[in-house]
Amino acid sequence: AVAKKYGLYDCAHFDTEVVSCHFSPGSNMWLAELKHGDKMRSVQASSVIAATGLLHNPTWPSIEGLESFKGARFHANQWDHSVDLQGKRVAVIGNGATATQFVPHLAEKASQLTVCQRTPNYYM
């Protein structure tokens, strides 16, 4: 793929927590403290691409009856691939960037798909 072709895997850090990151005007570099499992390391970089995502700590909405719901339920960032959604009635709460990616695929499988949105998004 593109990342392999251009050697991007050599400078990417996956499954890594950024403990701190600040710009040093003196060196004109970013200084970051990274944690991968139990290991800490410091890195310097001329640029930083923040790809943290908002779903790394999932939250559930406050919906009456959610805890007693007997069907399958899971958060998009903890997708349960063992659940077969073919022909099922499926509801998605949220319509952000992640939902934009998986909702079209669910629509092909589900017998009924309901998407609940709080705030509309605009794409250009």
Foldseek 3Di string as FASTA:
>chain_A
DVCVVVVVVVVDDPQKDFPDWDADPVVCWIWTWIDRPNDIDIDIGNDDDDPPDPPPPPDDDDDPCPVVDPDDDDDLVPDDPVDQQAAAAEEAEEDDPSCVVCVVVSVVGYPHYHYHYDDDDDDD
